[in-house]
C-alpha atoms as a PDB file:
ATOM      1  CA  GLN A   1      95.812 114.564  94.511  1.00  0.00           C
ATOM      2  CA  VAL A   2      99.297 115.750  95.136  1.00  0.00           C
ATOM      3  CA  GLN A   3     101.785 115.242  92.250  1.00  0.00           C
ATOM      4  CA  VAL A   4     105.381 115.544  91.843  1.00  0.00           C
ATOM      5  CA  VAL A   5     107.470 115.094  88.642  1.00  0.00           C
ATOM      6  CA  GLU A   6     111.346 114.714  88.659  1.00  0.00           C
ATOM      7  CA  SER A   7     113.756 115.741  85.816  1.00  0.00           C
ATOM      8  CA  GLY A   8     117.351 116.481  85.317  1.00  0.00           C
ATOM      9  CA  GLY A   9     118.919 112.781  85.665  1.00  0.00           C
ATOM     10  CA  GLY A  10     121.419 111.615  82.923  1.00  0.00           C
ATOM     11  CA  LEU A  11     124.678 110.131  82.396  1.00  0.00           C
ATOM     12  CA  VAL A  12     127.737 111.809  83.753  1.00  0.00           C
ATOM     13  CA  GLN A  13     131.466 110.999  84.450  1.00  0.00           C
ATOM     14  CA  ALA A  14     132.671 110.736  87.878  1.00  0.00           C
ATOM     15  CA  GLY A  15     133.539 114.039  89.383  1.00  0.00           C
ATOM     16  CA  GLY A  16     130.885 115.779  87.360  1.00  0.00           C
ATOM     17  CA  SER A  17     127.722 117.499  88.317  1.00  0.00           C
ATOM     18  CA  LEU A  18     123.894 117.292  87.796  1.00  0.00           C
ATOM     19  CA  ARG A  19     121.083 119.392  89.083  1.00  0.00           C
ATOM     20  CA  LEU A  20     117.730 117.524  89.677  1.00  0.00           C
ATOM     21  CA  SER A  21     114.531 119.417  89.712  1.00  0.00           C
ATOM     22  CA  CYS A  22     111.129 118.206  91.123  1.00  0.00           C
ATOM     23  CA  THR A  23     108.003 120.193  90.203  1.00  0.00           C
ATOM     24  CA  ALA A  24     104.825 119.823  92.452  1.00  0.00           C
ATOM     25  CA  SER A  25     101.316 120.473  91.644  1.00  0.00           C
ATOM     26  CA  ARG A  26      97.810 120.322  93.248  1.00  0.00           C
ATOM     27  CA  LEU A  27      99.092 121.228  96.669  1.00  0.00           C
ATOM     28  CA  THR A  28     100.200 124.251  98.620  1.00  0.00           C
ATOM     29  CA  PHE A  29     103.804 123.808  98.169  1.00  0.00           C
ATOM     30  CA  ASP A  30     105.116 125.578 101.414  1.00  0.00           C
ATOM     31  CA  ASP A  31     102.825 123.361 103.420  1.00  0.00           C
ATOM     32  CA  TYR A  32     104.935 120.276 102.635  1.00  0.00           C
ATOM     33  CA  THR A  33     108.378 119.038 103.518  1.00  0.00           C
ATOM     34  CA  MET A  34     110.024 117.780 100.445  1.00  0.00           C
ATOM     35  CA  GLY A  35     112.788 114.999 100.109  1.00  0.00           C
ATOM     36  CA  TRP A  36     114.989 113.351  97.633  1.00  0.00           C
ATOM     37  CA  PHE A  37     115.470 109.672  97.787  1.00  0.00           C
ATOM     38  CA  ARG A  38     117.432 106.978  95.804  1.00  0.00           C
ATOM     39  CA  GLN A  39     117.299 103.354  94.924  1.00  0.00           C
ATOM     40  CA  ALA A  40     119.983 101.391  93.250  1.00  0.00           C
ATOM     41  CA  PRO A  41     119.452  97.989  91.739  1.00  0.00           C
ATOM     42  CA  GLY A  42     119.337  95.429  94.433  1.00  0.00           C
ATOM     43  CA  LYS A  43     119.173  97.740  97.178  1.00  0.00           C
ATOM     44  CA  GLU A  44     116.627  99.354  99.413  1.00  0.00           C
ATOM     45  CA  ARG A  45     115.389 103.076  98.858  1.00  0.00           C
ATOM     46  CA  GLU A  46     117.381 105.521 100.960  1.00  0.00           C
ATOM     47  CA  GLY A  47     116.954 109.123 101.970  1.00  0.00           C
ATOM     48  CA  VAL A  48     119.308 111.436 100.360  1.00  0.00           C
ATOM     49  CA  SER A  49     118.312 114.862 101.645  1.00  0.00           C
ATOM     50  CA  CYS A  50     115.085 116.654 102.777  1.00  0.00           C
ATOM     51  CA  ILE A  51     114.142 120.222 103.319  1.00  0.00           C
ATOM     52  CA  SER A  52     111.590 121.850 105.692  1.00  0.00           C
ATOM     53  CA  ARG A  53     108.573 123.742 104.318  1.00  0.00           C
ATOM     54  CA  HIS A  54     110.330 127.239 104.288  1.00  0.00           C
ATOM     55  CA  GLY A  55     113.724 125.929 103.534  1.00  0.00           C
ATOM     56  CA  ASP A  56     115.312 126.941 106.693  1.00  0.00           C
ATOM     57  CA  ARG A  57     116.349 123.355 107.783  1.00  0.00           C
ATOM     58  CA  THR A  58     118.070 120.741 105.620  1.00  0.00           C
ATOM     59  CA  TYR A  59     119.294 117.302 106.116  1.00  0.00           C
ATOM     60  CA  TYR A  60     121.524 115.049 104.297  1.00  0.00           C
ATOM     61  CA  THR A  61     122.587 111.333 104.628  1.00  0.00           C
ATOM     62  CA  ASP A  62     126.299 111.155 105.484  1.00  0.00           C
ATOM     63  CA  SER A  63     127.611 109.886 102.111  1.00  0.00           C
ATOM     64  CA  VAL A  64     126.564 113.114 100.284  1.00  0.00           C
ATOM     65  CA  LYS A  65     127.345 115.684 102.785  1.00  0.00           C
ATOM     66  CA  GLY A  66     129.506 118.347 101.334  1.00  0.00           C
ATOM     67  CA  ARG A  67     128.836 117.231  97.781  1.00  0.00           C
ATOM     68  CA  PHE A  68     124.872 117.689  97.298  1.00  0.00           C
ATOM     69  CA  THR A  69     122.776 120.767  98.107  1.00  0.00           C
ATOM     70  CA  ILE A  70     119.060 120.811  98.469  1.00  0.00           C
ATOM     71  CA  SER A  71     116.878 123.740  97.888  1.00  0.00           C
ATOM     72  CA  ARG A  72     113.449 124.832  96.988  1.00  0.00           C
ATOM     73  CA  ASP A  73     111.490 127.639  95.291  1.00  0.00           C
ATOM     74  CA  ASN A  74     108.229 128.017  97.013  1.00  0.00           C
ATOM     75  CA  VAL A  75     107.042 130.517  94.255  1.00  0.00           C
ATOM     76  CA  LYS A  76     107.808 128.043  91.518  1.00  0.00           C
ATOM     77  CA  ASN A  77     106.633 125.001  93.382  1.00  0.00           C
ATOM     78  CA  THR A  78     110.031 123.376  92.589  1.00  0.00           C
ATOM     79  CA  LEU A  79     112.594 121.493  94.548  1.00  0.00           C
ATOM     80  CA  TYR A  80     116.044 121.044  93.453  1.00  0.00           C
ATOM     81  CA  LEU A  81     119.177 118.756  94.185  1.00  0.00           C
ATOM     82  CA  GLN A  82     122.454 120.093  93.015  1.00  0.00           C
ATOM     83  CA  MET A  83     124.890 117.085  92.924  1.00  0.00           C
ATOM     84  CA  ASN A  84     128.689 117.918  92.620  1.00  0.00           C
ATOM     85  CA  SER A  85     131.618 115.577  92.810  1.00  0.00           C
ATOM     86  CA  LEU A  86     129.540 112.731  91.682  1.00  0.00           C
ATOM     87  CA  LYS A  87     130.709 109.132  92.388  1.00  0.00           C
ATOM     88  CA  PRO A  88     129.846 105.799  90.710  1.00  0.00           C
ATOM     89  CA  GLU A  89     128.161 104.871  93.972  1.00  0.00           C
ATOM     90  CA  ASP A  90     125.636 107.690  93.432  1.00  0.00           C
ATOM     91  CA  THR A  91     124.118 105.819  90.484  1.00  0.00           C
ATOM     92  CA  ALA A  92     120.510 105.183  91.199  1.00  0.00           C
ATOM     93  CA  MET A  93     116.927 106.091  90.289  1.00  0.00           C
ATOM     94  CA  TYR A  94     116.472 109.397  92.224  1.00  0.00           C
ATOM     95  CA  TYR A  95     112.825 110.089  93.650  1.00  0.00           C
ATOM     96  CA  CYS A  96     111.318 113.235  94.933  1.00  0.00           C
ATOM     97  CA  ALA A  97     108.559 113.052  97.578  1.00  0.00           C
ATOM     98  CA  ALA A  98     106.301 115.386  99.476  1.00  0.00           C
ATOM     99  CA  ALA A  99     104.794 115.243 102.986  1.00  0.00           C
ATOM    100  CA  ALA A 100     102.571 117.359 104.878  1.00  0.00           C
ATOM    101  CA  THR A 101     103.323 115.707 108.272  1.00  0.00           C
ATOM    102  CA  VAL A 102     106.699 114.667 108.274  1.00  0.00           C
ATOM    103  CA  SER A 103     109.178 117.003 109.865  1.00  0.00           C
ATOM    104  CA  GLY A 104     112.771 117.005 111.436  1.00  0.00           C
ATOM    105  CA  GLN A 105     115.385 114.272 110.774  1.00  0.00           C
ATOM    106  CA  TRP A 106     112.713 111.763 110.163  1.00  0.00           C
ATOM    107  CA  CYS A 107     112.281 113.291 106.810  1.00  0.00           C
ATOM    108  CA  LEU A 108     115.315 111.125 105.806  1.00  0.00           C
ATOM    109  CA  LEU A 109     113.366 107.875 106.296  1.00  0.00           C
ATOM    110  CA  PRO A 110     111.413 106.419 103.165  1.00  0.00           C
ATOM    111  CA  ASN A 111     108.546 105.116 105.310  1.00  0.00           C
ATOM    112  CA  SER A 112     107.845 108.309 107.343  1.00  0.00           C
ATOM    113  CA  GLY A 113     104.546 108.867 105.759  1.00  0.00           C
ATOM    114  CA  TRP A 114     105.196 110.567 102.523  1.00  0.00           C
ATOM    115  CA  ASP A 115     102.108 111.673 100.675  1.00  0.00           C
ATOM    116  CA  ALA A 116     103.168 111.648  97.171  1.00  0.00           C
ATOM    117  CA  TRP A 117     106.176 110.124  95.088  1.00  0.00           C
ATOM    118  CA  GLY A 118     107.361 110.832  91.649  1.00  0.00           C
ATOM    119  CA  GLN A 119     108.250 108.166  88.995  1.00  0.00           C
ATOM    120  CA  GLY A 120     111.912 108.951  89.356  1.00  0.00           C
ATOM    121  CA  THR A 121     114.788 110.171  87.265  1.00  0.00           C
ATOM    122  CA  GLN A 122     117.924 108.120  86.541  1.00  0.00           C
ATOM    123  CA  VAL A 123     121.336 109.341  87.484  1.00  0.00           C
ATOM    124  CA  THR A 124     124.194 107.242  86.224  1.00  0.00           C
ATOM    125  CA  VAL A 125     127.824 108.040  86.901  1.00  0.00           C
ATOM    126  CA  SER A 126     130.590 106.291  84.989  1.00  0.00           C
ATOM    127  CA  SER A 127     134.222 105.735  86.332  1.00  0.00           C
END
């Protein structure tokens, strides 16, 4: 069974940076599209960014474009999310997900048929 585990969350002041990591196991990593999602209290889970199997295509929700960068290392089976210029509205639980059959811009949708979800890592941005 595919497993993904997030790390790297924390408390940061507005304008600061964090890098999230997601390590995957029990899968052939470059067979999977990978994505980052987030969920704030009282809100629905939303897609933040996703990346194609070989990293040649990336997608971002509008609110993070120019501030966040997604990347992956297919040798280390690890997904990253570099978050710069963080804002209080970025505060949320951030989740990593893996999908064997999702592709294209549909990867920003939480209900696109993701095969595995992590437990999440909390990101809190203070003003």
